[in-house]
Amino acid sequence: MTINEIQDNIIEEFSQFDDWMDKYALLIDLGNSLEPLDEKHKTPQNIITGCQSRVWLNAEMNDGIITYQGESDAILVKGIVSLLIQVLSGHTADEIINTELYFIDKIGLKEHLSPTRSNGLVSMLKQMKMYALAYKAKIN
């Protein structure tokens, strides 16, 4: 499935709810379904700076495909991490680098986060793209 197809599925899933309390509940469910990050990846190098809560993000590349794992100590943020991983994990560095992530605006996520959580979201996206750039540089 392409990144845009995944984004469209997320937009459709969130559009089923009118109330943001229901959308927050969906985010929390997504966070609860996120596989726990292996303790060996909970290192200072994997902490995302700029987040209000602690967020760890790890990336690995096998056969040109980048896989992300992440976790947060805040349940809502864990849901956001889960969404980002759902969209970007399992794709090539070029796909990740060149994709516009429109689902964030379409579901209204950024406008319903506090400024610090919104900054954290931007920091997470930036780090995921940085991992992709680093892996791309490594294979070229």
Protein backbone atom coordinates (compact mmCIF):
# COMPACT_ATOMS: atom_id res chain seq x y z
CA MET A 1 0.00 0.00 0.00
CA THR A 2 1.36 3.46 -0.85
CA ILE A 3 1.87 6.18 1.73
CA ASN A 4 -0.98 8.19 0.19
CA GLU A 5 -3.34 5.19 0.32
CA ILE A 6 -2.53 4.77 4.01
CA GLN A 7 -3.11 8.49 4.61
CA ASP A 8 -6.47 8.28 2.82
CA ASN A 9 -7.48 5.31 5.01
CA ILE A 10 -6.60 7.28 8.16
CA ILE A 11 -8.59 10.30 6.92
CA GLU A 12 -11.57 8.02 6.26
CA GLU A 13 -11.26 6.37 9.70
CA PHE A 14 -11.13 9.73 11.51
CA SER A 15 -13.97 11.19 9.41
CA GLN A 16 -16.34 8.68 10.99
CA PHE A 17 -16.23 10.79 14.15
CA ASP A 18 -17.55 14.35 14.47
CA ASP A 19 -16.55 14.88 18.07
CA TRP A 20 -12.89 15.35 18.91
CA MET A 21 -13.32 13.40 22.14
CA ASP A 22 -14.07 10.37 19.96
CA LYS A 23 -11.03 11.13 17.80
CA TYR A 24 -8.86 11.37 20.92
CA ALA A 25 -10.27 7.98 22.00
CA LEU A 26 -9.24 6.56 18.60
CA LEU A 27 -5.74 7.99 19.05
CA ILE A 28 -5.52 6.42 22.50
CA ASP A 29 -6.64 3.06 21.06
CA LEU A 30 -3.94 3.36 18.38
CA GLY A 31 -1.38 4.09 21.08
CA ASN A 32 -2.49 1.09 23.09
CA SER A 33 -2.10 -1.14 20.02
CA LEU A 34 1.47 0.04 19.37
CA GLU A 35 4.03 -2.67 20.02
CA PRO A 36 6.25 -1.77 22.97
CA LEU A 37 9.67 -0.50 22.00
CA ASP A 38 12.50 -2.81 22.97
CA GLU A 39 14.31 -1.43 26.02
CA LYS A 40 17.62 -1.45 24.11
CA HIS A 41 16.21 1.34 21.89
CA LYS A 42 15.15 3.55 24.80
CA THR A 43 18.41 5.47 24.69
CA PRO A 44 19.17 9.19 24.90
CA GLN A 45 20.04 9.18 21.16
CA ASN A 46 16.53 7.95 20.33
CA ILE A 47 14.65 10.55 22.38
CA ILE A 48 12.92 13.19 20.28
CA THR A 49 13.81 16.67 21.44
CA GLY A 50 11.06 19.27 21.34
CA CYS A 51 8.40 16.98 22.77
CA GLN A 52 6.62 17.74 26.02
CA SER A 53 6.57 14.05 26.94
CA ARG A 54 9.29 11.50 26.36
CA VAL A 55 9.21 9.98 22.88
CA TRP A 56 11.66 7.41 21.58
CA LEU A 57 11.98 6.69 17.90
CA ASN A 58 14.11 4.03 16.27
CA ALA A 59 14.57 3.22 12.59
CA GLU A 60 16.12 0.28 10.80
CA MET A 61 16.58 -0.41 7.12
CA ASN A 62 16.49 -3.84 5.52
CA ASP A 63 16.54 -4.41 1.75
CA GLY A 64 15.93 -0.70 1.15
CA ILE A 65 12.81 -0.57 3.34
CA ILE A 66 12.78 1.55 6.49
CA THR A 67 10.93 0.30 9.53
CA TYR A 68 10.19 2.59 12.46
CA GLN A 69 9.47 1.68 16.04
CA GLY A 70 8.52 4.16 18.71
CA GLU A 71 7.00 4.73 22.07
CA SER A 72 5.98 7.52 24.40
CA ASP A 73 5.27 7.80 28.09
CA ALA A 74 2.13 9.85 27.28
CA ILE A 75 -0.82 7.84 25.98
CA LEU A 76 -2.11 10.46 23.50
CA VAL A 77 1.39 11.03 22.11
CA LYS A 78 1.82 7.27 21.81
CA GLY A 79 -1.23 7.33 19.51
CA ILE A 80 0.37 10.04 17.38
CA VAL A 81 3.58 7.99 17.20
CA SER A 82 1.48 5.00 16.14
CA LEU A 83 -0.15 7.03 13.33
CA LEU A 84 3.19 8.25 12.01
CA ILE A 85 4.66 4.76 12.10
CA GLN A 86 1.57 3.39 10.35
CA VAL A 87 2.03 5.91 7.53
CA LEU A 88 5.81 5.93 7.04
CA SER A 89 7.09 2.53 8.15
CA GLY A 90 7.64 -0.07 5.44
CA HIS A 91 8.63 2.34 2.69
CA THR A 92 11.82 3.40 0.95
CA ALA A 93 13.86 6.42 1.97
CA ASP A 94 12.84 8.25 -1.22
CA GLU A 95 9.15 7.60 -0.61
CA ILE A 96 9.43 8.90 2.96
CA ILE A 97 11.48 11.97 2.01
CA ASN A 98 9.32 12.96 -0.96
CA THR A 99 5.87 12.42 0.54
CA GLU A 100 3.70 15.28 1.72
CA LEU A 101 1.92 14.17 4.86
CA TYR A 102 -1.49 15.75 4.25
CA PHE A 103 -3.45 13.51 6.62
CA ILE A 104 -2.38 15.58 9.66
CA ASP A 105 -4.21 18.67 8.39
CA LYS A 106 -7.12 16.71 6.87
CA ILE A 107 -8.02 15.03 10.18
CA GLY A 108 -7.48 18.31 12.07
CA LEU A 109 -4.82 16.83 14.33
CA LYS A 110 -2.49 19.80 14.54
CA GLU A 111 -5.24 22.28 15.41
CA HIS A 112 -6.49 20.04 18.24
CA LEU A 113 -3.13 19.66 19.93
CA SER A 114 -1.61 22.00 22.46
CA PRO A 115 1.25 24.12 21.05
CA THR A 116 3.84 21.94 22.81
CA ARG A 117 2.28 18.72 21.47
CA SER A 118 2.09 20.28 18.02
CA ASN A 119 5.79 21.15 18.21
CA GLY A 120 6.46 17.57 19.29
CA LEU A 121 4.58 16.27 16.25
CA VAL A 122 6.75 18.41 13.99
CA SER A 123 9.87 17.14 15.79
CA MET A 124 8.79 13.51 15.33
CA LEU A 125 8.16 14.01 11.61
CA LYS A 126 11.47 15.80 11.23
CA GLN A 127 13.33 12.94 12.94
CA MET A 128 11.63 10.32 10.77
CA LYS A 129 12.64 12.22 7.64
CA MET A 130 16.18 12.63 9.02
CA TYR A 131 16.45 8.86 9.49
CA ALA A 132 15.31 8.41 5.88
CA LEU A 133 17.87 10.97 4.63
CA ALA A 134 20.63 9.26 6.61
CA TYR A 135 19.74 5.83 5.21
CA LYS A 136 19.52 7.26 1.69
CA ALA A 137 22.99 8.80 2.05
CA LYS A 138 24.28 5.47 3.34
CA ILE A 139 23.11 3.52 0.27
CA ASN A 140 24.25 6.11 -2.29
